C-alpha atoms as a PDB file:
ATOM      1  CA  MET A   1    -234.609 100.227  16.740  1.00  0.00           C
ATOM      2  CA  GLY A   2    -236.709 102.085  19.372  1.00  0.00           C
ATOM      3  CA  ARG A   3    -237.404 100.485  22.538  1.00  0.00           C
ATOM      4  CA  GLN A   4    -235.971  96.999  22.869  1.00  0.00           C
ATOM      5  CA  ILE A   5    -235.142  94.932  25.537  1.00  0.00           C
ATOM      6  CA  THR A   6    -231.561  93.558  25.281  1.00  0.00           C
ATOM      7  CA  LEU A   7    -230.543  90.285  26.940  1.00  0.00           C
ATOM      8  CA  THR A   8    -227.719  88.309  27.597  1.00  0.00           C
ATOM      9  CA  PHE A   9    -226.112  85.003  27.714  1.00  0.00           C
ATOM     10  CA  THR A  10    -222.995  83.191  29.299  1.00  0.00           C
ATOM     11  CA  LEU A  11    -219.502  83.992  28.785  1.00  0.00           C
ATOM     12  CA  LEU A  12    -218.933  80.666  27.992  1.00  0.00           C
ATOM     13  CA  ALA A  13    -221.396  79.642  25.944  1.00  0.00           C
ATOM     14  CA  LEU A  14    -220.575  82.913  23.718  1.00  0.00           C
ATOM     15  CA  ALA A  15    -217.261  81.586  23.915  1.00  0.00           C
ATOM     16  CA  GLY A  16    -218.081  78.229  22.484  1.00  0.00           C
ATOM     17  CA  GLY A  17    -216.304  76.396  25.102  1.00  0.00           C
ATOM     18  CA  PRO A  18    -217.521  73.589  26.925  1.00  0.00           C
ATOM     19  CA  ALA A  19    -219.422  74.048  29.879  1.00  0.00           C
ATOM     20  CA  ALA A  20    -216.727  72.972  32.660  1.00  0.00           C
ATOM     21  CA  ALA A  21    -217.793  70.397  34.626  1.00  0.00           C
ATOM     22  CA  TYR A  22    -221.181  70.724  35.640  1.00  0.00           C
ATOM     23  CA  ASP A  23    -224.175  69.050  35.255  1.00  0.00           C
ATOM     24  CA  GLN A  24    -225.817  70.631  32.300  1.00  0.00           C
ATOM     25  CA  GLN A  25    -229.060  68.423  32.543  1.00  0.00           C
ATOM     26  CA  GLN A  26    -230.176  69.922  35.594  1.00  0.00           C
ATOM     27  CA  GLY A  27    -227.875  73.003  35.984  1.00  0.00           C
ATOM     28  CA  PRO A  28    -226.742  76.254  33.688  1.00  0.00           C
ATOM     29  CA  THR A  29    -224.502  76.247  31.173  1.00  0.00           C
ATOM     30  CA  PHE A  30    -221.583  77.779  33.428  1.00  0.00           C
ATOM     31  CA  ASP A  31    -219.692  76.262  36.203  1.00  0.00           C
ATOM     32  CA  CYS A  32    -221.693  77.326  39.187  1.00  0.00           C
ATOM     33  CA  ALA A  33    -218.666  77.085  41.822  1.00  0.00           C
ATOM     34  CA  LYS A  34    -217.217  80.053  39.762  1.00  0.00           C
ATOM     35  CA  ALA A  35    -221.093  82.012  39.713  1.00  0.00           C
ATOM     36  CA  SER A  36    -220.380  85.588  40.861  1.00  0.00           C
ATOM     37  CA  GLY A  37    -223.322  88.173  41.840  1.00  0.00           C
ATOM     38  CA  GLN A  38    -226.427  88.154  42.755  1.00  0.00           C
ATOM     39  CA  VAL A  39    -228.465  86.770  39.495  1.00  0.00           C
ATOM     40  CA  GLU A  40    -225.885  83.785  38.663  1.00  0.00           C
ATOM     41  CA  THR A  41    -226.374  82.739  42.227  1.00  0.00           C
ATOM     42  CA  LEU A  42    -229.821  82.268  41.837  1.00  0.00           C
ATOM     43  CA  ILE A  43    -229.911  80.723  38.140  1.00  0.00           C
ATOM     44  CA  CYS A  44    -227.733  77.998  39.987  1.00  0.00           C
ATOM     45  CA  LYS A  45    -230.268  77.526  42.678  1.00  0.00           C
ATOM     46  CA  ASP A  46    -233.563  77.875  40.395  1.00  0.00           C
ATOM     47  CA  PRO A  47    -233.921  74.949  38.167  1.00  0.00           C
ATOM     48  CA  ALA A  48    -236.399  77.000  35.799  1.00  0.00           C
ATOM     49  CA  LEU A  49    -233.889  79.485  35.245  1.00  0.00           C
ATOM     50  CA  ALA A  50    -231.080  76.906  34.795  1.00  0.00           C
ATOM     51  CA  ALA A  51    -233.421  75.077  32.194  1.00  0.00           C
ATOM     52  CA  LEU A  52    -233.799  78.613  30.078  1.00  0.00           C
ATOM     53  CA  ASP A  53    -229.844  79.015  30.106  1.00  0.00           C
ATOM     54  CA  ARG A  54    -229.445  75.821  28.749  1.00  0.00           C
ATOM     55  CA  LYS A  55    -232.418  76.823  26.237  1.00  0.00           C
ATOM     56  CA  MET A  56    -230.082  79.571  25.316  1.00  0.00           C
ATOM     57  CA  ALA A  57    -227.164  77.969  24.649  1.00  0.00           C
ATOM     58  CA  GLU A  58    -229.148  75.718  22.660  1.00  0.00           C
ATOM     59  CA  VAL A  59    -231.047  78.553  20.336  1.00  0.00           C
ATOM     60  CA  TYR A  60    -227.924  80.762  19.892  1.00  0.00           C
ATOM     61  CA  ALA A  61    -225.512  77.651  18.566  1.00  0.00           C
ATOM     62  CA  ALA A  62    -228.200  77.390  16.408  1.00  0.00           C
ATOM     63  CA  ALA A  63    -228.256  81.131  15.326  1.00  0.00           C
ATOM     64  CA  MET A  64    -224.825  81.408  14.950  1.00  0.00           C
ATOM     65  CA  LYS A  65    -224.956  78.459  12.057  1.00  0.00           C
ATOM     66  CA  LYS A  66    -227.549  79.902   9.727  1.00  0.00           C
ATOM     67  CA  TRP A  67    -225.772  83.867  10.007  1.00  0.00           C
ATOM     68  CA  PRO A  68    -222.964  85.105   7.863  1.00  0.00           C
ATOM     69  CA  ALA A  69    -219.523  86.011   9.275  1.00  0.00           C
ATOM     70  CA  ASN A  70    -220.039  89.814  10.046  1.00  0.00           C
ATOM     71  CA  VAL A  71    -223.808  89.446  11.173  1.00  0.00           C
ATOM     72  CA  ALA A  72    -221.941  86.545  13.395  1.00  0.00           C
ATOM     73  CA  SER A  73    -219.342  88.796  14.617  1.00  0.00           C
ATOM     74  CA  GLU A  74    -221.837  91.440  15.596  1.00  0.00           C
ATOM     75  CA  GLN A  75    -224.001  89.053  17.304  1.00  0.00           C
ATOM     76  CA  ARG A  76    -221.627  88.060  19.693  1.00  0.00           C
ATOM     77  CA  ALA A  77    -221.302  91.593  20.739  1.00  0.00           C
ATOM     78  CA  TYR A  78    -224.395  91.920  21.375  1.00  0.00           C
ATOM     79  CA  GLN A  79    -224.719  88.643  23.504  1.00  0.00           C
ATOM     80  CA  ARG A  80    -221.792  90.526  25.227  1.00  0.00           C
ATOM     81  CA  GLY A  81    -224.094  93.179  26.162  1.00  0.00           C
ATOM     82  CA  TRP A  82    -227.014  91.094  27.070  1.00  0.00           C
ATOM     83  CA  ILE A  83    -225.102  89.275  30.096  1.00  0.00           C
ATOM     84  CA  ARG A  84    -224.343  93.067  31.659  1.00  0.00           C
ATOM     85  CA  GLY A  85    -228.314  93.452  31.002  1.00  0.00           C
ATOM     86  CA  ARG A  86    -229.264  90.497  32.469  1.00  0.00           C
ATOM     87  CA  ASN A  87    -226.996  90.939  35.631  1.00  0.00           C
ATOM     88  CA  ASP A  88    -228.539  94.097  35.975  1.00  0.00           C
ATOM     89  CA  CYS A  89    -231.624  92.556  37.148  1.00  0.00           C
ATOM     90  CA  TRP A  90    -229.665  92.505  40.535  1.00  0.00           C
ATOM     91  CA  LYS A  91    -231.497  96.062  40.706  1.00  0.00           C
ATOM     92  CA  GLU A  92    -234.959  94.953  40.347  1.00  0.00           C
ATOM     93  CA  ASP A  93    -237.615  94.505  42.789  1.00  0.00           C
ATOM     94  CA  ASP A  94    -238.253  91.061  41.525  1.00  0.00           C
ATOM     95  CA  LEU A  95    -234.571  89.720  40.393  1.00  0.00           C
ATOM     96  CA  ARG A  96    -236.511  86.236  39.264  1.00  0.00           C
ATOM     97  CA  ALA A  97    -238.876  87.784  36.926  1.00  0.00           C
ATOM     98  CA  CYS A  98    -236.322  90.106  35.703  1.00  0.00           C
ATOM     99  CA  ALA A  99    -233.992  87.086  34.895  1.00  0.00           C
ATOM    100  CA  GLU A 100    -237.152  85.292  33.595  1.00  0.00           C
ATOM    101  CA  LEU A 101    -238.279  88.090  31.126  1.00  0.00           C
ATOM    102  CA  SER A 102    -234.884  88.539  30.161  1.00  0.00           C
ATOM    103  CA  TYR A 103    -233.897  84.752  28.892  1.00  0.00           C
ATOM    104  CA  ARG A 104    -237.444  84.416  27.421  1.00  0.00           C
ATOM    105  CA  THR A 105    -237.517  87.637  25.157  1.00  0.00           C
ATOM    106  CA  ARG A 106    -233.862  87.140  23.907  1.00  0.00           C
ATOM    107  CA  ILE A 107    -234.559  83.765  22.784  1.00  0.00           C
ATOM    108  CA  VAL A 108    -237.375  84.309  20.724  1.00  0.00           C
ATOM    109  CA  GLU A 109    -235.623  87.430  19.382  1.00  0.00           C
ATOM    110  CA  LEU A 110    -232.873  85.097  18.590  1.00  0.00           C
ATOM    111  CA  GLN A 111    -235.598  82.505  17.007  1.00  0.00           C
ATOM    112  CA  ILE A 112    -237.065  85.232  14.896  1.00  0.00           C
ATOM    113  CA  LYS A 113    -233.827  86.901  13.921  1.00  0.00           C
ATOM    114  CA  SER A 114    -232.032  83.929  12.848  1.00  0.00           C
ATOM    115  CA  GLY A 115    -235.382  82.376  10.815  1.00  0.00           C
ATOM    116  CA  GLN A 116    -235.619  79.328  13.347  1.00  0.00           C
ATOM    117  CA  LEU A 117    -239.807  80.257  13.371  1.00  0.00           C
ATOM    118  CA  THR A 118    -241.872  80.486  10.426  1.00  0.00           C
ATOM    119  CA  VAL A 119    -242.740  84.117  10.259  1.00  0.00           C
ATOM    120  CA  PRO A 120    -246.543  84.532  10.175  1.00  0.00           C
ATOM    121  CA  ALA A 121    -248.147  87.487   8.608  1.00  0.00           C
ATOM    122  CA  ALA A 122    -248.285  90.935  10.497  1.00  0.00           C
ATOM    123  CA  VAL A 123    -251.956  92.215  11.132  1.00  0.00           C
ATOM    124  CA  GLY A 124    -252.516  95.696  10.620  1.00  0.00           C
ATOM    125  CA  TYR A 125    -254.381  98.038  12.747  1.00  0.00           C
ATOM    126  CA  ALA A 126    -255.769 101.475  12.880  1.00  0.00           C
ATOM    127  CA  CYS A 127    -255.593 103.243  16.117  1.00  0.00           C
ATOM    128  CA  THR A 128    -256.659 105.719  17.911  1.00  0.00           C
ATOM    129  CA  GLY A 129    -255.986 107.646  21.059  1.00  0.00           C
ATOM    130  CA  GLY A 130    -252.413 108.621  19.805  1.00  0.00           C
ATOM    131  CA  GLU A 131    -250.417 109.665  17.467  1.00  0.00           C
ATOM    132  CA  ASP A 132    -250.896 108.774  13.272  1.00  0.00           C
ATOM    133  CA  LYS A 133    -248.298 106.171  13.862  1.00  0.00           C
ATOM    134  CA  PRO A 134    -248.648 102.690  11.826  1.00  0.00           C
ATOM    135  CA  PHE A 135    -249.600  99.675  14.532  1.00  0.00           C
ATOM    136  CA  PHE A 136    -248.919  96.071  13.904  1.00  0.00           C
ATOM    137  CA  ALA A 137    -248.661  93.072  15.502  1.00  0.00           C
ATOM    138  CA  THR A 138    -247.516  89.767  14.730  1.00  0.00           C
ATOM    139  CA  PHE A 139    -248.307  86.773  16.629  1.00  0.00           C
ATOM    140  CA  TYR A 140    -246.026  83.529  17.198  1.00  0.00           C
ATOM    141  CA  LYS A 141    -248.033  80.251  18.867  1.00  0.00           C
ATOM    142  CA  GLU A 142    -244.810  78.294  18.404  1.00  0.00           C
ATOM    143  CA  THR A 143    -242.954  79.989  21.312  1.00  0.00           C
ATOM    144  CA  ASP A 144    -243.071  78.951  24.761  1.00  0.00           C
ATOM    145  CA  PRO A 145    -244.948  81.166  26.282  1.00  0.00           C
ATOM    146  CA  PRO A 146    -246.579  82.379  23.119  1.00  0.00           C
ATOM    147  CA  SER A 147    -245.265  85.862  22.106  1.00  0.00           C
ATOM    148  CA  ALA A 148    -246.340  89.091  19.884  1.00  0.00           C
ATOM    149  CA  ILE A 149    -243.874  91.472  18.124  1.00  0.00           C
ATOM    150  CA  ILE A 150    -245.953  94.495  18.798  1.00  0.00           C
ATOM    151  CA  THR A 151    -244.599  97.423  16.446  1.00  0.00           C
ATOM    152  CA  TYR A 152    -246.042 101.374  16.700  1.00  0.00           C
ATOM    153  CA  GLY A 153    -244.170 103.603  14.636  1.00  0.00           C
ATOM    154  CA  SER A 154    -240.269 102.803  14.711  1.00  0.00           C
ATOM    155  CA  ASP A 155    -240.589 101.215  18.205  1.00  0.00           C
ATOM    156  CA  GLN A 156    -241.100  97.591  18.742  1.00  0.00           C
ATOM    157  CA  VAL A 157    -241.149  95.346  21.556  1.00  0.00           C
ATOM    158  CA  ILE A 158    -241.419  91.689  22.176  1.00  0.00           C
ATOM    159  CA  ALA A 159    -244.130  90.684  24.556  1.00  0.00           C
ATOM    160  CA  PHE A 160    -245.780  87.473  25.804  1.00  0.00           C
ATOM    161  CA  ALA A 161    -249.046  85.975  26.274  1.00  0.00           C
ATOM    162  CA  ALA A 162    -250.652  86.954  30.134  1.00  0.00           C
ATOM    163  CA  PRO A 163    -253.411  85.338  31.597  1.00  0.00           C
ATOM    164  CA  SER A 164    -256.931  87.101  30.648  1.00  0.00           C
ATOM    165  CA  ALA A 165    -260.609  86.105  31.371  1.00  0.00           C
ATOM    166  CA  SER A 166    -261.595  86.471  27.876  1.00  0.00           C
ATOM    167  CA  GLY A 167    -259.659  87.327  24.529  1.00  0.00           C
ATOM    168  CA  ALA A 168    -256.349  87.650  24.082  1.00  0.00           C
ATOM    169  CA  LYS A 169    -253.668  89.662  25.974  1.00  0.00           C
ATOM    170  CA  TYR A 170    -250.012  90.205  25.667  1.00  0.00           C
ATOM    171  CA  SER A 171    -247.677  92.360  27.726  1.00  0.00           C
ATOM    172  CA  ALA A 172    -244.351  93.351  28.213  1.00  0.00           C
ATOM    173  CA  ALA A 173    -242.404  96.327  30.327  1.00  0.00           C
ATOM    174  CA  ASN A 174    -244.450  99.123  30.283  1.00  0.00           C
ATOM    175  CA  MET A 175    -246.950  97.736  27.169  1.00  0.00           C
ATOM    176  CA  GLU A 176    -249.936  95.676  27.469  1.00  0.00           C
ATOM    177  CA  PHE A 177    -252.237  94.568  24.436  1.00  0.00           C
ATOM    178  CA  TRP A 178    -255.138  93.202  24.915  1.00  0.00           C
ATOM    179  CA  GLU A 179    -257.567  92.014  21.741  1.00  0.00           C
ATOM    180  CA  HIS A 180    -261.228  91.602  22.826  1.00  0.00           C
ATOM    181  CA  GLN A 181    -264.505  91.126  20.848  1.00  0.00           C
ATOM    182  CA  GLY A 182    -262.511  92.462  17.360  1.00  0.00           C
ATOM    183  CA  GLU A 183    -261.035  95.616  19.512  1.00  0.00           C
ATOM    184  CA  ALA A 184    -257.702  96.034  20.712  1.00  0.00           C
ATOM    185  CA  SER A 185    -256.739  97.965  24.093  1.00  0.00           C
ATOM    186  CA  VAL A 186    -253.404  98.854  24.148  1.00  0.00           C
ATOM    187  CA  ASP A 187    -251.325 100.812  26.757  1.00  0.00           C
ATOM    188  CA  TRP A 188    -247.947 101.521  25.100  1.00  0.00           C
ATOM    189  CA  PHE A 189    -245.404 102.979  27.306  1.00  0.00           C
ATOM    190  CA  GLY A 190    -248.570 105.029  28.993  1.00  0.00           C
ATOM    191  CA  THR A 191    -249.852 106.449  25.531  1.00  0.00           C
ATOM    192  CA  LYS A 192    -253.789 104.449  25.212  1.00  0.00           C
ATOM    193  CA  LEU A 193    -254.978 103.341  22.351  1.00  0.00           C
ATOM    194  CA  THR A 194    -257.836 101.546  20.588  1.00  0.00           C
ATOM    195  CA  CYS A 195    -256.999  99.858  17.738  1.00  0.00           C
ATOM    196  CA  ARG A 196    -259.504  97.290  15.352  1.00  0.00           C
ATOM    197  CA  PRO A 197    -257.323  95.365  12.526  1.00  0.00           C
ATOM    198  CA  LYS A 198    -257.700  96.298   9.468  1.00  0.00           C
ATOM    199  CA  SER A 199    -259.541  94.661   6.533  1.00  0.00           C
ATOM    200  CA  ALA A 200    -255.945  94.286   4.969  1.00  0.00           C
ATOM    201  CA  PRO A 201    -252.719  91.962   7.067  1.00  0.00           C
ATOM    202  CA  ALA A 202    -250.593  95.182   6.766  1.00  0.00           C
ATOM    203  CA  ALA A 203    -251.010  98.937   5.067  1.00  0.00           C
ATOM    204  CA  ARG A 204    -247.811  99.593   4.080  1.00  0.00           C
ATOM    205  CA  PRO A 205    -247.118 100.389   0.171  1.00  0.00           C
ATOM    206  CA  PRO A 206    -246.576  97.413  -1.945  1.00  0.00           C
ATOM    207  CA  LEU A 207    -243.557  96.871  -3.863  1.00  0.00           C
ATOM    208  CA  GLY A 208    -244.706  95.550  -7.681  1.00  0.00           C
ATOM    209  CA  GLY A 209    -243.842  98.240  -9.821  1.00  0.00           C
ATOM    210  CA  THR A 210    -241.687 100.340  -8.264  1.00  0.00           C
ATOM    211  CA  SER A 211    -237.537 101.401  -8.551  1.00  0.00           C
ATOM    212  CA  TRP A 212    -235.186 102.054  -6.031  1.00  0.00           C
ATOM    213  CA  VAL A 213    -231.587 104.052  -6.332  1.00  0.00           C
ATOM    214  CA  LEU A 214    -229.286 103.078  -2.953  1.00  0.00           C
ATOM    215  CA  VAL A 215    -228.429 106.378  -0.862  1.00  0.00           C
ATOM    216  CA  GLN A 216    -226.646 104.684   1.760  1.00  0.00           C
ATOM    217  CA  PHE A 217    -226.090 101.802   4.500  1.00  0.00           C
ATOM    218  CA  GLN A 218    -225.862 101.730   7.885  1.00  0.00           C
ATOM    219  CA  SER A 219    -224.331  99.091   9.683  1.00  0.00           C
ATOM    220  CA  MET A 220    -225.480  97.862  13.051  1.00  0.00           C
ATOM    221  CA  ASP A 221    -222.678  99.313  15.091  1.00  0.00           C
ATOM    222  CA  ASP A 222    -223.745 102.929  12.759  1.00  0.00           C
ATOM    223  CA  THR A 223    -221.100 102.333  10.376  1.00  0.00           C
ATOM    224  CA  MET A 224    -222.227 104.322   7.166  1.00  0.00           C
ATOM    225  CA  LEU A 225    -221.471 103.334   3.589  1.00  0.00           C
ATOM    226  CA  LYS A 226    -222.509 105.247   0.483  1.00  0.00           C
ATOM    227  CA  PRO A 227    -221.934 104.647  -3.546  1.00  0.00           C
ATOM    228  CA  GLU A 228    -219.418 106.570  -4.937  1.00  0.00           C
ATOM    229  CA  ALA A 229    -220.185 110.019  -6.379  1.00  0.00           C
ATOM    230  CA  ASP A 230    -220.518 108.239 -10.133  1.00  0.00           C
ATOM    231  CA  ALA A 231    -221.476 104.693  -9.089  1.00  0.00           C
ATOM    232  CA  ARG A 232    -225.493 103.371  -8.783  1.00  0.00           C
ATOM    233  CA  TYR A 233    -226.873 100.657  -7.108  1.00  0.00           C
ATOM    234  CA  SER A 234    -230.573 100.322  -7.794  1.00  0.00           C
ATOM    235  CA  LEU A 235    -233.370  97.472  -7.304  1.00  0.00           C
ATOM    236  CA  THR A 236    -236.551  97.119  -9.322  1.00  0.00           C
ATOM    237  CA  PHE A 237    -239.180  95.284  -8.010  1.00  0.00           C
ATOM    238  CA  ASP A 238    -241.193  94.197 -11.096  1.00  0.00           C
ATOM    239  CA  ASP A 239    -245.021  93.048 -10.832  1.00  0.00           C
ATOM    240  CA  ASP A 240    -244.338  89.177 -11.629  1.00  0.00           C
ATOM    241  CA  GLY A 241    -242.008  88.870  -8.580  1.00  0.00           C
ATOM    242  CA  ARG A 242    -238.870  89.356 -11.059  1.00  0.00           C
ATOM    243  CA  LEU A 243    -236.177  91.633  -8.564  1.00  0.00           C
ATOM    244  CA  GLN A 244    -233.848  93.849 -11.255  1.00  0.00           C
ATOM    245  CA  VAL A 245    -230.344  94.372  -9.786  1.00  0.00           C
ATOM    246  CA  GLN A 246    -227.565  97.106 -10.474  1.00  0.00           C
ATOM    247  CA  ALA A 247    -224.331  96.942  -8.788  1.00  0.00           C
ATOM    248  CA  ASP A 248    -222.187  99.426  -9.848  1.00  0.00           C
ATOM    249  CA  CYS A 249    -221.096  98.403 -13.197  1.00  0.00           C
ATOM    250  CA  ASN A 250    -222.522  95.034 -12.914  1.00  0.00           C
ATOM    251  CA  ARG A 251    -226.309  94.008 -13.570  1.00  0.00           C
ATOM    252  CA  GLY A 252    -228.200  90.849 -12.644  1.00  0.00           C
ATOM    253  CA  GLN A 253    -231.710  89.536 -12.162  1.00  0.00           C
ATOM    254  CA  GLY A 254    -233.349  88.115  -9.155  1.00  0.00           C
ATOM    255  CA  THR A 255    -236.598  87.218  -7.632  1.00  0.00           C
ATOM    256  CA  TRP A 256    -238.553  88.735  -4.438  1.00  0.00           C
ATOM    257  CA  HIS A 257    -241.288  87.877  -2.458  1.00  0.00           C
ATOM    258  CA  SER A 258    -243.778  89.626   0.634  1.00  0.00           C
ATOM    259  CA  PRO A 259    -246.176  87.454   1.284  1.00  0.00           C
ATOM    260  CA  ASP A 260    -248.033  90.231   4.108  1.00  0.00           C
ATOM    261  CA  ASN A 261    -246.370  93.450   2.622  1.00  0.00           C
ATOM    262  CA  VAL A 262    -244.056  93.777   5.552  1.00  0.00           C
ATOM    263  CA  SER A 263    -241.859  90.946   5.275  1.00  0.00           C
ATOM    264  CA  LEU A 264    -239.741  90.697   2.433  1.00  0.00           C
ATOM    265  CA  GLU A 265    -237.338  87.549   0.917  1.00  0.00           C
ATOM    266  CA  LEU A 266    -234.955  88.030  -1.851  1.00  0.00           C
ATOM    267  CA  GLY A 267    -233.853  85.209  -4.146  1.00  0.00           C
ATOM    268  CA  SER A 268    -230.346  84.515  -5.502  1.00  0.00           C
ATOM    269  CA  VAL A 269    -229.133  87.187  -7.878  1.00  0.00           C
ATOM    270  CA  SER A 270    -227.381  86.233 -11.113  1.00  0.00           C
ATOM    271  CA  LEU A 271    -224.987  89.086 -11.882  1.00  0.00           C
ATOM    272  CA  THR A 272    -222.533  89.772 -14.621  1.00  0.00           C
ATOM    273  CA  ARG A 273    -218.799  89.897 -13.210  1.00  0.00           C
ATOM    274  CA  ALA A 274    -217.462  93.180 -14.971  1.00  0.00           C
ATOM    275  CA  GLN A 275    -214.456  93.966 -12.798  1.00  0.00           C
ATOM    276  CA  CYS A 276    -215.661  97.639 -11.047  1.00  0.00           C
ATOM    277  CA  ARG A 277    -213.599  99.775  -9.262  1.00  0.00           C
ATOM    278  CA  PRO A 278    -213.009  98.248  -5.398  1.00  0.00           C
ATOM    279  CA  SER A 279    -215.204  99.575  -2.994  1.00  0.00           C
ATOM    280  CA  PRO A 280    -216.584  98.399   0.660  1.00  0.00           C
ATOM    281  CA  LEU A 281    -219.981  98.712  -0.447  1.00  0.00           C
ATOM    282  CA  GLN A 282    -219.846  96.863  -3.592  1.00  0.00           C
ATOM    283  CA  ASN A 283    -218.266  93.519  -2.267  1.00  0.00           C
ATOM    284  CA  ARG A 284    -221.038  93.347   0.427  1.00  0.00           C
ATOM    285  CA  PHE A 285    -224.268  94.485  -1.769  1.00  0.00           C
ATOM    286  CA  VAL A 286    -225.286  91.583  -3.680  1.00  0.00           C
ATOM    287  CA  ARG A 287    -224.113  89.448  -0.581  1.00  0.00           C
ATOM    288  CA  ASP A 288    -226.772  91.582   1.762  1.00  0.00           C
ATOM    289  CA  LEU A 289    -229.638  91.542  -0.097  1.00  0.00           C
ATOM    290  CA  GLY A 290    -229.913  87.225   0.726  1.00  0.00           C
ATOM    291  CA  PHE A 291    -230.117  88.400   4.310  1.00  0.00           C
ATOM    292  CA  VAL A 292    -233.099  91.272   3.752  1.00  0.00           C
ATOM    293  CA  ARG A 293    -236.207  89.979   5.625  1.00  0.00           C
ATOM    294  CA  SER A 294    -238.509  93.188   6.505  1.00  0.00           C
ATOM    295  CA  TYR A 295    -238.941  96.583   4.453  1.00  0.00           C
ATOM    296  CA  VAL A 296    -240.589  99.719   5.652  1.00  0.00           C
ATOM    297  CA  VAL A 297    -241.574 102.924   3.015  1.00  0.00           C
ATOM    298  CA  LYS A 298    -241.629 106.118   4.402  1.00  0.00           C
ATOM    299  CA  GLU A 299    -241.800 109.529   3.191  1.00  0.00           C
ATOM    300  CA  GLY A 300    -240.631 108.458  -0.042  1.00  0.00           C
ATOM    301  CA  GLN A 301    -237.521 106.184   0.971  1.00  0.00           C
ATOM    302  CA  LEU A 302    -237.507 102.263   0.799  1.00  0.00           C
ATOM    303  CA  HIS A 303    -235.623 100.477   4.001  1.00  0.00           C
ATOM    304  CA  LEU A 304    -234.567  97.145   3.927  1.00  0.00           C
ATOM    305  CA  GLY A 305    -233.950  95.668   7.344  1.00  0.00           C
ATOM    306  CA  LEU A 306    -231.245  92.797   7.478  1.00  0.00           C
ATOM    307  CA  MET A 307    -232.005  89.387   9.400  1.00  0.00           C
ATOM    308  CA  ALA A 308    -230.329  89.587  12.892  1.00  0.00           C
ATOM    309  CA  ASP A 309    -230.506  93.811  12.966  1.00  0.00           C
ATOM    310  CA  GLY A 310    -227.632  93.223  10.406  1.00  0.00           C
ATOM    311  CA  GLY A 311    -228.238  97.058   9.075  1.00  0.00           C
ATOM    312  CA  ILE A 312    -230.206  98.947   6.816  1.00  0.00           C
ATOM    313  CA  TYR A 313    -230.224  99.623   3.277  1.00  0.00           C
ATOM    314  CA  SER A 314    -232.152 102.882   2.526  1.00  0.00           C
ATOM    315  CA  PHE A 315    -233.111 104.022  -0.858  1.00  0.00           C
ATOM    316  CA  ASP A 316    -234.809 107.080  -2.728  1.00  0.00           C
ATOM    317  CA  GLN A 317    -237.754 106.220  -5.292  1.00  0.00           C
ATOM    318  CA  VAL A 318    -236.861 106.526  -9.059  1.00  0.00           C
ATOM    319  CA  LYS A 319    -239.570 108.220 -10.433  1.00  0.00           C
ATOM    320  CA  PRO A 320    -241.442 106.548 -13.650  1.00  0.00           C
ATOM    321  CA  MET A 321    -240.883 108.574 -16.721  1.00  0.00           C
ATOM    322  CA  PRO A 322    -243.762 110.165 -17.861  1.00  0.00           C
ATOM    323  CA  ALA A 323    -245.836 108.731 -20.892  1.00  0.00           C
ATOM    324  CA  ARG A 324    -245.442 110.592 -24.337  1.00  0.00           C
END
């Protein structure tokens, strides 16, 4: 999803095994007698980094309990990639700062993606100085330290609260967001923006009264699924919060809720039980509706994002019939 910092954990914690004969109250979750490389050696010597490693283990374990099997499997692979990313901090001028940022960013990412945090309403901004792309910020005061998800167009970063003489400042690698007296100064990877909060929390089109037909599903590993030529998968968002669902030869109803026109939650769907043709898409479509967490409407298409980057469902809008 655009620029993202990808981070890791310990192989031992990923495997779900015990942390060997090591004092978990003081050290990290891995056996320091077997530590390899500059980063693991530093973590074993640094109590604060060791504490972050233990916190990571706690958050990761809680996340794995919340995710469905397919998402959990994808996240295990993602975590193993994070190990390589964290260990590459030896290449940085400030190894310790890099390792700490890696842990803190991934911990917040896991907490958000697995629903361990209450999602605040996103704040929409009108910006000048860059391309005409939507700009949103979601501020999480529950995290340690406080953090913000900053989204500019299709790119997204996790930023952390930084010291500031006045106002609120959040920073990440190559990004700084400083809001002061109702105006935000943003340095987005070298692009300078001046932004003001919009009167509404978000500027994306509301879903009420719209219908959409599925075009494709793209998973985290870029696997693509499309409906069969004569199959139809569709969603209709009624104004009263009801959701109408068609999944090939079955139809059903559920509920939908979008408190800020950015996040989206779909309630359980009651579906008919007709025997449709065997289909990988039909098997997961209705199940995945319960894991939808966000949406974007762009160029006439609706994109539903699953929790933990589990994938994206893309739909074309069904135009209403003209009144007679």
